[in-house]
Amino acid sequence: VGLVRRGRAGTPIDGFLARNGDGLRHVALAVDEPLGAVVARLEAAGVRVVGEIVPSSDGRPSVFLHPSTMGGVLVELVEGDP
């Protein structure tokens, strides 16, 4: 969970903060199975995925789920234990 006070100009986070003010940026959850399989199930259930699976800040595969299908919260899924 990250508390963000300001974002870099022109980034999606900057736009989010401009619209919503300071606060919770996103929640990251670890998954214990291959991320591709998890994403496929979520998409089949109607969850919007933002972009592709990419390395997280610590190198593990990660993907973001769109807030519009996650109760207004940006959710990051990260494969494996930290």
C-alpha atoms as a PDB file:
ATOM      1  CA  VAL A   1       0.000   0.000   0.000  1.00  0.00           C
ATOM      2  CA  GLY A   2       1.457   3.362  -0.959  1.00  0.00           C
ATOM      3  CA  LEU A   3       0.539   6.815   0.261  1.00  0.00           C
ATOM      4  CA  VAL A   4       1.419   9.284  -2.465  1.00  0.00           C
ATOM      5  CA  ARG A   5       1.770  13.002  -1.841  1.00  0.00           C
ATOM      6  CA  ARG A   6       2.680  14.011  -5.399  1.00  0.00           C
ATOM      7  CA  GLY A   7       3.297  12.388  -8.766  1.00  0.00           C
ATOM      8  CA  ARG A   8       5.668  13.170 -11.592  1.00  0.00           C
ATOM      9  CA  ALA A   9       4.154  15.695 -14.014  1.00  0.00           C
ATOM     10  CA  GLY A  10       2.281  14.108 -16.898  1.00  0.00           C
ATOM     11  CA  THR A  11       2.146  10.579 -15.482  1.00  0.00           C
ATOM     12  CA  PRO A  12      -1.057   8.607 -14.824  1.00  0.00           C
ATOM     13  CA  ILE A  13      -0.400   8.960 -11.084  1.00  0.00           C
ATOM     14  CA  ASP A  14      -0.138  12.731 -11.454  1.00  0.00           C
ATOM     15  CA  GLY A  15      -3.512  12.757 -13.216  1.00  0.00           C
ATOM     16  CA  PHE A  16      -5.043  10.547 -10.520  1.00  0.00           C
ATOM     17  CA  LEU A  17      -3.814  12.888  -7.781  1.00  0.00           C
ATOM     18  CA  ALA A  18      -5.053  15.950  -9.681  1.00  0.00           C
ATOM     19  CA  ARG A  19      -8.543  14.403  -9.853  1.00  0.00           C
ATOM     20  CA  ASN A  20      -8.679  12.775  -6.428  1.00  0.00           C
ATOM     21  CA  GLY A  21      -6.192  14.532  -4.143  1.00  0.00           C
ATOM     22  CA  ASP A  22      -3.649  12.884  -1.850  1.00  0.00           C
ATOM     23  CA  GLY A  23      -4.293   9.367  -0.684  1.00  0.00           C
ATOM     24  CA  LEU A  24      -4.130   5.715  -1.517  1.00  0.00           C
ATOM     25  CA  ARG A  25      -2.572   5.064  -4.918  1.00  0.00           C
ATOM     26  CA  HIS A  26      -2.862   1.293  -5.224  1.00  0.00           C
ATOM     27  CA  VAL A  27      -2.903  -2.024  -3.384  1.00  0.00           C
ATOM     28  CA  ALA A  28      -0.466  -4.787  -4.381  1.00  0.00           C
ATOM     29  CA  LEU A  29      -1.350  -8.434  -3.825  1.00  0.00           C
ATOM     30  CA  ALA A  30       0.913 -11.459  -4.283  1.00  0.00           C
ATOM     31  CA  VAL A  31      -0.477 -14.438  -6.196  1.00  0.00           C
ATOM     32  CA  ASP A  32       0.924 -17.929  -5.756  1.00  0.00           C
ATOM     33  CA  GLU A  33       0.257 -19.255  -9.248  1.00  0.00           C
ATOM     34  CA  PRO A  34       1.395 -18.150 -12.711  1.00  0.00           C
ATOM     35  CA  LEU A  35       0.189 -14.596 -13.271  1.00  0.00           C
ATOM     36  CA  GLY A  36      -0.880 -15.305 -16.851  1.00  0.00           C
ATOM     37  CA  ALA A  37      -3.383 -17.911 -15.636  1.00  0.00           C
ATOM     38  CA  VAL A  38      -4.755 -15.531 -13.005  1.00  0.00           C
ATOM     39  CA  VAL A  39      -5.130 -12.737 -15.573  1.00  0.00           C
ATOM     40  CA  ALA A  40      -6.927 -15.048 -18.020  1.00  0.00           C
ATOM     41  CA  ARG A  41      -9.493 -16.018 -15.346  1.00  0.00           C
ATOM     42  CA  LEU A  42     -10.019 -12.411 -14.286  1.00  0.00           C
ATOM     43  CA  GLU A  43     -10.486 -11.204 -17.869  1.00  0.00           C
ATOM     44  CA  ALA A  44     -12.986 -14.020 -18.485  1.00  0.00           C
ATOM     45  CA  ALA A  45     -14.891 -12.737 -15.438  1.00  0.00           C
ATOM     46  CA  GLY A  46     -14.969  -9.193 -16.880  1.00  0.00           C
ATOM     47  CA  VAL A  47     -12.108  -7.590 -14.948  1.00  0.00           C
ATOM     48  CA  ARG A  48     -10.227  -4.953 -16.985  1.00  0.00           C
ATOM     49  CA  VAL A  49      -6.455  -5.362 -17.051  1.00  0.00           C
ATOM     50  CA  VAL A  50      -4.265  -2.271 -17.529  1.00  0.00           C
ATOM     51  CA  GLY A  51      -1.492  -3.032 -20.017  1.00  0.00           C
ATOM     52  CA  GLU A  52       0.564  -6.197 -20.133  1.00  0.00           C
ATOM     53  CA  ILE A  53       2.377  -8.289 -17.543  1.00  0.00           C
ATOM     54  CA  VAL A  54       5.641  -6.458 -16.822  1.00  0.00           C
ATOM     55  CA  PRO A  55       8.400  -6.709 -14.192  1.00  0.00           C
ATOM     56  CA  SER A  56       7.499  -5.138 -10.847  1.00  0.00           C
ATOM     57  CA  SER A  57       9.889  -2.861  -8.984  1.00  0.00           C
ATOM     58  CA  ASP A  58      11.614  -5.978  -7.605  1.00  0.00           C
ATOM     59  CA  GLY A  59      11.617  -7.861 -10.916  1.00  0.00           C
ATOM     60  CA  ARG A  60       8.672 -10.206 -10.353  1.00  0.00           C
ATOM     61  CA  PRO A  61       5.916 -10.389 -13.012  1.00  0.00           C
ATOM     62  CA  SER A  62       3.135  -7.903 -12.245  1.00  0.00           C
ATOM     63  CA  VAL A  63       0.006  -6.434 -13.783  1.00  0.00           C
ATOM     64  CA  PHE A  64      -2.512  -3.767 -12.793  1.00  0.00           C
ATOM     65  CA  LEU A  65      -6.288  -4.205 -12.661  1.00  0.00           C
ATOM     66  CA  HIS A  66      -8.388  -1.199 -13.653  1.00  0.00           C
ATOM     67  CA  PRO A  67     -10.138   0.617 -10.795  1.00  0.00           C
ATOM     68  CA  SER A  68     -13.420   0.678 -12.726  1.00  0.00           C
ATOM     69  CA  THR A  69     -13.741  -3.080 -12.220  1.00  0.00           C
ATOM     70  CA  MET A  70     -12.127  -3.230  -8.775  1.00  0.00           C
ATOM     71  CA  GLY A  71     -14.447  -1.044  -6.706  1.00  0.00           C
ATOM     72  CA  GLY A  72     -12.515   2.139  -7.486  1.00  0.00           C
ATOM     73  CA  VAL A  73      -9.147   0.800  -6.311  1.00  0.00           C
ATOM     74  CA  LEU A  74      -6.129   0.294  -8.580  1.00  0.00           C
ATOM     75  CA  VAL A  75      -4.940  -3.243  -7.791  1.00  0.00           C
ATOM     76  CA  GLU A  76      -1.522  -4.613  -8.699  1.00  0.00           C
ATOM     77  CA  LEU A  77      -1.047  -8.379  -8.826  1.00  0.00           C
ATOM     78  CA  VAL A  78       2.512  -9.623  -8.334  1.00  0.00           C
ATOM     79  CA  GLU A  79       3.570 -13.208  -8.943  1.00  0.00           C
ATOM     80  CA  GLY A  80       5.287 -15.023  -6.071  1.00  0.00           C
ATOM     81  CA  ASP A  81       6.475 -14.099  -2.609  1.00  0.00           C
ATOM     82  CA  PRO A  82       8.449 -10.905  -2.043  1.00  0.00           C
END
